[in-house]
Amino acid sequence: MNKLKLLYSYEEWKNKIKSVCGSIDGISQDAGRLMELSFNFHRSEEEEKEYKLLSKKIDEKSVNEKYTKLTYEITDSYNNLKYIHDDERRTKIYEEIGRKQCEIEILKEKED
């Protein structure tokens, strides 16, 4: 797998979660082709290579999407901390940030 990377900017992420249909993305052309190939039980060698390549590509995109989401959620939590003065709430946010950071580290370990 390639190195983890952010798929879009923090501002784009903020706009995406604010939009009404932000979490509903259409199916990509690659995903459609992968589904088409997965239903073909008698694939040729070329189709098998394409199937494996598309599977890997979609898996990488999925991992990068999760990495991007976790990174920006952590950034967002840190940005919101300056407005929170209750120690109990701050502690909960720090714990949440720590859990998300652990998830990122697990993604990095799987990448190696």
N, C-alpha and C. Protein backbone atom coordinates (compact mmCIF):
# COMPACT_ATOMS: atom_id res chain seq x y z
N MET A 1 0.85 -1.18 0.00
CA MET A 1 0.00 0.00 0.00
C MET A 1 0.89 1.24 0.00
N ASN A 2 0.41 2.28 -0.62
CA ASN A 2 1.13 3.54 -0.62
C ASN A 2 1.02 4.22 0.74
N LYS A 3 1.80 5.26 0.91
CA LYS A 3 1.77 6.02 2.14
C LYS A 3 0.40 6.67 2.31
N LEU A 4 -0.08 6.77 3.55
CA LEU A 4 -1.37 7.40 3.81
C LEU A 4 -1.31 8.87 3.39
N LYS A 5 -2.42 9.35 2.86
CA LYS A 5 -2.46 10.75 2.45
C LYS A 5 -3.86 11.31 2.66
N LEU A 6 -3.90 12.63 2.85
CA LEU A 6 -5.16 13.33 3.00
C LEU A 6 -5.78 13.51 1.61
N LEU A 7 -7.06 13.27 1.49
CA LEU A 7 -7.72 13.32 0.19
C LEU A 7 -8.24 14.71 -0.18
N TYR A 8 -8.44 15.55 0.84
CA TYR A 8 -8.92 16.90 0.59
C TYR A 8 -8.54 17.78 1.77
N SER A 9 -8.77 19.08 1.64
CA SER A 9 -8.35 20.03 2.66
C SER A 9 -9.34 20.04 3.83
N TYR A 10 -8.89 20.65 4.91
CA TYR A 10 -9.74 20.77 6.10
C TYR A 10 -11.00 21.57 5.78
N GLU A 11 -10.86 22.63 5.00
CA GLU A 11 -12.02 23.46 4.64
C GLU A 11 -13.02 22.66 3.80
N GLU A 12 -12.51 21.85 2.88
CA GLU A 12 -13.40 21.01 2.08
C GLU A 12 -14.12 20.00 2.96
N TRP A 13 -13.41 19.46 3.96
CA TRP A 13 -14.03 18.51 4.89
C TRP A 13 -15.14 19.19 5.68
N LYS A 14 -14.85 20.41 6.16
CA LYS A 14 -15.87 21.15 6.93
C LYS A 14 -17.11 21.39 6.07
N ASN A 15 -16.91 21.79 4.84
CA ASN A 15 -18.03 22.03 3.93
C ASN A 15 -18.78 20.75 3.62
N LYS A 16 -18.04 19.65 3.52
CA LYS A 16 -18.66 18.35 3.21
C LYS A 16 -19.57 17.90 4.35
N ILE A 17 -19.14 18.07 5.59
CA ILE A 17 -19.98 17.62 6.71
C ILE A 17 -21.13 18.58 6.97
N LYS A 18 -21.00 19.83 6.52
CA LYS A 18 -22.09 20.79 6.70
C LYS A 18 -23.18 20.63 5.66
N SER A 19 -22.82 20.09 4.50
CA SER A 19 -23.81 19.96 3.43
C SER A 19 -24.82 18.88 3.78
N VAL A 20 -25.99 19.01 3.23
CA VAL A 20 -27.08 18.09 3.53
C VAL A 20 -26.74 16.66 3.14
N CYS A 21 -26.15 16.49 1.98
CA CYS A 21 -25.83 15.16 1.47
C CYS A 21 -24.34 14.88 1.57
N GLY A 22 -23.67 15.47 2.52
CA GLY A 22 -22.23 15.34 2.63
C GLY A 22 -21.75 13.92 2.78
N SER A 23 -22.47 13.10 3.48
CA SER A 23 -22.00 11.74 3.70
C SER A 23 -22.46 10.77 2.62
N ILE A 24 -23.25 11.25 1.68
CA ILE A 24 -23.77 10.37 0.63
C ILE A 24 -23.02 10.68 -0.66
N ASP A 25 -22.07 9.83 -0.98
CA ASP A 25 -21.32 9.98 -2.22
C ASP A 25 -21.82 8.94 -3.21
N GLY A 26 -21.82 9.31 -4.46
CA GLY A 26 -22.22 8.36 -5.49
C GLY A 26 -21.17 7.27 -5.66
N ILE A 27 -21.54 6.25 -6.37
CA ILE A 27 -20.61 5.15 -6.63
C ILE A 27 -19.64 5.60 -7.72
N SER A 28 -18.37 5.33 -7.51
CA SER A 28 -17.36 5.73 -8.49
C SER A 28 -17.39 4.78 -9.69
N GLN A 29 -16.76 5.23 -10.76
CA GLN A 29 -16.68 4.41 -11.96
C GLN A 29 -15.88 3.14 -11.67
N ASP A 30 -14.82 3.28 -10.86
CA ASP A 30 -14.00 2.12 -10.49
C ASP A 30 -14.82 1.11 -9.68
N ALA A 31 -15.60 1.62 -8.74
CA ALA A 31 -16.42 0.72 -7.92
C ALA A 31 -17.47 0.00 -8.77
N GLY A 32 -18.05 0.72 -9.71
CA GLY A 32 -19.02 0.10 -10.62
C GLY A 32 -18.40 -1.00 -11.46
N ARG A 33 -17.21 -0.71 -11.97
CA ARG A 33 -16.52 -1.72 -12.78
C ARG A 33 -16.13 -2.93 -11.92
N LEU A 34 -15.71 -2.67 -10.68
CA LEU A 34 -15.35 -3.76 -9.77
C LEU A 34 -16.57 -4.64 -9.49
N MET A 35 -17.71 -4.03 -9.29
CA MET A 35 -18.93 -4.82 -9.06
C MET A 35 -19.27 -5.65 -10.29
N GLU A 36 -19.11 -5.04 -11.45
CA GLU A 36 -19.39 -5.76 -12.69
C GLU A 36 -18.47 -6.98 -12.82
N LEU A 37 -17.19 -6.78 -12.53
CA LEU A 37 -16.24 -7.89 -12.62
C LEU A 37 -16.48 -8.94 -11.54
N SER A 38 -16.93 -8.51 -10.37
CA SER A 38 -17.15 -9.48 -9.29
C SER A 38 -18.31 -10.41 -9.59
N PHE A 39 -19.26 -9.95 -10.40
CA PHE A 39 -20.39 -10.81 -10.77
C PHE A 39 -20.05 -11.74 -11.92
N ASN A 40 -18.93 -11.48 -12.56
CA ASN A 40 -18.48 -12.33 -13.67
C ASN A 40 -17.61 -13.44 -13.07
N PHE A 41 -18.15 -14.65 -12.97
CA PHE A 41 -17.44 -15.76 -12.34
C PHE A 41 -16.45 -16.44 -13.28
N HIS A 42 -16.49 -16.11 -14.53
CA HIS A 42 -15.58 -16.70 -15.50
C HIS A 42 -14.73 -15.59 -16.12
N ARG A 43 -13.94 -14.95 -15.29
CA ARG A 43 -13.12 -13.83 -15.75
C ARG A 43 -11.91 -14.34 -16.52
N SER A 44 -11.53 -13.56 -17.53
CA SER A 44 -10.29 -13.86 -18.26
C SER A 44 -9.12 -13.39 -17.41
N GLU A 45 -7.90 -13.68 -17.85
CA GLU A 45 -6.72 -13.26 -17.09
C GLU A 45 -6.64 -11.74 -17.00
N GLU A 46 -6.96 -11.07 -18.09
CA GLU A 46 -6.95 -9.62 -18.10
C GLU A 46 -7.98 -9.06 -17.13
N GLU A 47 -9.17 -9.63 -17.14
CA GLU A 47 -10.21 -9.17 -16.23
C GLU A 47 -9.83 -9.46 -14.78
N GLU A 48 -9.16 -10.57 -14.53
CA GLU A 48 -8.71 -10.91 -13.18
C GLU A 48 -7.68 -9.89 -12.68
N LYS A 49 -6.75 -9.51 -13.57
CA LYS A 49 -5.75 -8.49 -13.21
C LYS A 49 -6.43 -7.16 -12.91
N GLU A 50 -7.40 -6.80 -13.76
CA GLU A 50 -8.13 -5.55 -13.57
C GLU A 50 -8.90 -5.59 -12.25
N TYR A 51 -9.52 -6.74 -11.95
CA TYR A 51 -10.27 -6.91 -10.71
C TYR A 51 -9.37 -6.71 -9.49
N LYS A 52 -8.19 -7.32 -9.50
CA LYS A 52 -7.26 -7.19 -8.38
C LYS A 52 -6.75 -5.76 -8.25
N LEU A 53 -6.47 -5.12 -9.37
CA LEU A 53 -5.99 -3.74 -9.35
C LEU A 53 -7.06 -2.79 -8.81
N LEU A 54 -8.28 -2.96 -9.27
CA LEU A 54 -9.38 -2.11 -8.79
C LEU A 54 -9.67 -2.35 -7.31
N SER A 55 -9.59 -3.61 -6.88
CA SER A 55 -9.80 -3.92 -5.46
C SER A 55 -8.77 -3.21 -4.60
N LYS A 56 -7.53 -3.27 -5.02
CA LYS A 56 -6.46 -2.62 -4.27
C LYS A 56 -6.65 -1.11 -4.25
N LYS A 57 -7.00 -0.55 -5.39
CA LYS A 57 -7.19 0.90 -5.51
C LYS A 57 -8.33 1.38 -4.61
N ILE A 58 -9.42 0.65 -4.59
CA ILE A 58 -10.58 1.04 -3.77
C ILE A 58 -10.27 0.86 -2.29
N ASP A 59 -9.54 -0.20 -1.93
CA ASP A 59 -9.14 -0.39 -0.54
C ASP A 59 -8.25 0.75 -0.06
N GLU A 60 -7.30 1.17 -0.89
CA GLU A 60 -6.42 2.28 -0.54
C GLU A 60 -7.20 3.57 -0.36
N LYS A 61 -8.16 3.80 -1.25
CA LYS A 61 -8.98 5.01 -1.13
C LYS A 61 -9.80 4.98 0.15
N SER A 62 -10.32 3.82 0.50
CA SER A 62 -11.10 3.68 1.72
C SER A 62 -10.26 3.98 2.96
N VAL A 63 -9.04 3.46 2.99
CA VAL A 63 -8.14 3.71 4.12
C VAL A 63 -7.77 5.18 4.18
N ASN A 64 -7.49 5.79 3.03
CA ASN A 64 -7.16 7.21 3.00
C ASN A 64 -8.34 8.08 3.41
N GLU A 65 -9.54 7.65 3.06
CA GLU A 65 -10.75 8.37 3.47
C GLU A 65 -10.89 8.34 5.00
N LYS A 66 -10.66 7.18 5.59
CA LYS A 66 -10.74 7.05 7.04
C LYS A 66 -9.65 7.88 7.71
N TYR A 67 -8.44 7.85 7.15
CA TYR A 67 -7.33 8.64 7.68
C TYR A 67 -7.64 10.14 7.62
N THR A 68 -8.19 10.58 6.50
CA THR A 68 -8.55 11.99 6.33
C THR A 68 -9.60 12.39 7.35
N LYS A 69 -10.62 11.57 7.49
CA LYS A 69 -11.72 11.86 8.42
C LYS A 69 -11.20 11.95 9.86
N LEU A 70 -10.40 10.98 10.28
CA LEU A 70 -9.87 10.98 11.64
C LEU A 70 -8.96 12.19 11.89
N THR A 71 -8.11 12.50 10.93
CA THR A 71 -7.20 13.63 11.08
C THR A 71 -7.96 14.93 11.26
N TYR A 72 -8.96 15.14 10.44
CA TYR A 72 -9.71 16.40 10.52
C TYR A 72 -10.65 16.44 11.73
N GLU A 73 -11.12 15.29 12.18
CA GLU A 73 -11.91 15.27 13.42
C GLU A 73 -11.03 15.67 14.61
N ILE A 74 -9.78 15.20 14.62
CA ILE A 74 -8.85 15.59 15.67
C ILE A 74 -8.58 17.08 15.61
N THR A 75 -8.32 17.59 14.41
CA THR A 75 -8.09 19.03 14.23
C THR A 75 -9.28 19.83 14.71
N ASP A 76 -10.47 19.39 14.35
CA ASP A 76 -11.69 20.07 14.75
C ASP A 76 -11.86 20.06 16.27
N SER A 77 -11.56 18.94 16.89
CA SER A 77 -11.66 18.85 18.35
C SER A 77 -10.69 19.82 19.03
N TYR A 78 -9.47 19.89 18.54
CA TYR A 78 -8.49 20.84 19.10
C TYR A 78 -8.96 22.28 18.91
N ASN A 79 -9.52 22.57 17.75
CA ASN A 79 -10.02 23.93 17.50
C ASN A 79 -11.17 24.28 18.44
N ASN A 80 -12.00 23.31 18.79
CA ASN A 80 -13.14 23.56 19.68
C ASN A 80 -12.73 23.65 21.15
N LEU A 81 -11.57 23.11 21.48
CA LEU A 81 -11.13 23.13 22.88
C LEU A 81 -10.97 24.53 23.44
N LYS A 82 -10.62 25.50 22.60
CA LYS A 82 -10.40 26.85 23.10
C LYS A 82 -11.69 27.50 23.60
N TYR A 83 -12.84 26.94 23.22
CA TYR A 83 -14.13 27.48 23.67
C TYR A 83 -14.71 26.71 24.86
N ILE A 84 -14.04 25.67 25.28
CA ILE A 84 -14.55 24.84 26.38
C ILE A 84 -13.67 25.05 27.60
N HIS A 85 -14.31 25.45 28.70
CA HIS A 85 -13.56 25.76 29.91
C HIS A 85 -13.88 24.80 31.06
N ASP A 86 -14.80 23.89 30.83
CA ASP A 86 -15.16 22.89 31.83
C ASP A 86 -14.12 21.76 31.77
N ASP A 87 -13.43 21.53 32.89
CA ASP A 87 -12.36 20.54 32.91
C ASP A 87 -12.85 19.13 32.57
N GLU A 88 -14.04 18.79 33.02
CA GLU A 88 -14.57 17.45 32.74
C GLU A 88 -14.80 17.24 31.24
N ARG A 89 -15.39 18.24 30.59
CA ARG A 89 -15.62 18.15 29.14
C ARG A 89 -14.30 18.14 28.38
N ARG A 90 -13.34 18.93 28.83
CA ARG A 90 -12.03 18.97 28.17
C ARG A 90 -11.35 17.61 28.27
N THR A 91 -11.46 16.97 29.44
CA THR A 91 -10.86 15.65 29.63
C THR A 91 -11.48 14.64 28.68
N LYS A 92 -12.80 14.68 28.52
CA LYS A 92 -13.47 13.77 27.59
C LYS A 92 -13.01 14.00 26.16
N ILE A 93 -12.83 15.25 25.79
CA ILE A 93 -12.38 15.56 24.43
C ILE A 93 -10.95 15.07 24.23
N TYR A 94 -10.09 15.27 25.23
CA TYR A 94 -8.71 14.77 25.13
C TYR A 94 -8.69 13.25 24.98
N GLU A 95 -9.56 12.56 25.71
CA GLU A 95 -9.63 11.10 25.59
C GLU A 95 -10.10 10.69 24.20
N GLU A 96 -11.08 11.42 23.68
CA GLU A 96 -11.59 11.14 22.33
C GLU A 96 -10.48 11.37 21.29
N ILE A 97 -9.73 12.44 21.45
CA ILE A 97 -8.61 12.73 20.55
C ILE A 97 -7.59 11.59 20.61
N GLY A 98 -7.31 11.12 21.82
CA GLY A 98 -6.35 10.03 21.99
C GLY A 98 -6.80 8.75 21.30
N ARG A 99 -8.08 8.43 21.41
CA ARG A 99 -8.61 7.23 20.75
C ARG A 99 -8.48 7.35 19.23
N LYS A 100 -8.81 8.52 18.71
CA LYS A 100 -8.71 8.72 17.27
C LYS A 100 -7.26 8.66 16.80
N GLN A 101 -6.36 9.20 17.60
CA GLN A 101 -4.95 9.13 17.25
C GLN A 101 -4.47 7.68 17.24
N CYS A 102 -4.96 6.88 18.17
CA CYS A 102 -4.62 5.45 18.18
C CYS A 102 -5.13 4.77 16.92
N GLU A 103 -6.32 5.12 16.47
CA GLU A 103 -6.86 4.56 15.23
C GLU A 103 -5.96 4.91 14.04
N ILE A 104 -5.46 6.15 14.03
CA ILE A 104 -4.55 6.57 12.96
C ILE A 104 -3.27 5.75 13.01
N GLU A 105 -2.74 5.52 14.21
CA GLU A 105 -1.51 4.73 14.34
C GLU A 105 -1.73 3.29 13.88
N ILE A 106 -2.91 2.75 14.15
CA ILE A 106 -3.23 1.39 13.68
C ILE A 106 -3.27 1.36 12.15
N LEU A 107 -3.85 2.40 11.54
CA LEU A 107 -3.86 2.48 10.07
C LEU A 107 -2.44 2.53 9.52
N LYS A 108 -1.58 3.28 10.19
CA LYS A 108 -0.17 3.38 9.75
C LYS A 108 0.54 2.04 9.88
N GLU A 109 0.26 1.30 10.95
CA GLU A 109 0.89 -0.01 11.13
C GLU A 109 0.43 -0.98 10.05
N LYS A 110 -0.83 -0.95 9.70
CA LYS A 110 -1.35 -1.84 8.67
C LYS A 110 -0.73 -1.51 7.31
N GLU A 111 -0.38 -0.24 7.12
CA GLU A 111 0.20 0.20 5.86
C GLU A 111 1.56 -0.42 5.64
N ASP A 112 2.32 -0.60 6.71
CA ASP A 112 3.69 -1.15 6.60
C ASP A 112 3.69 -2.60 6.31
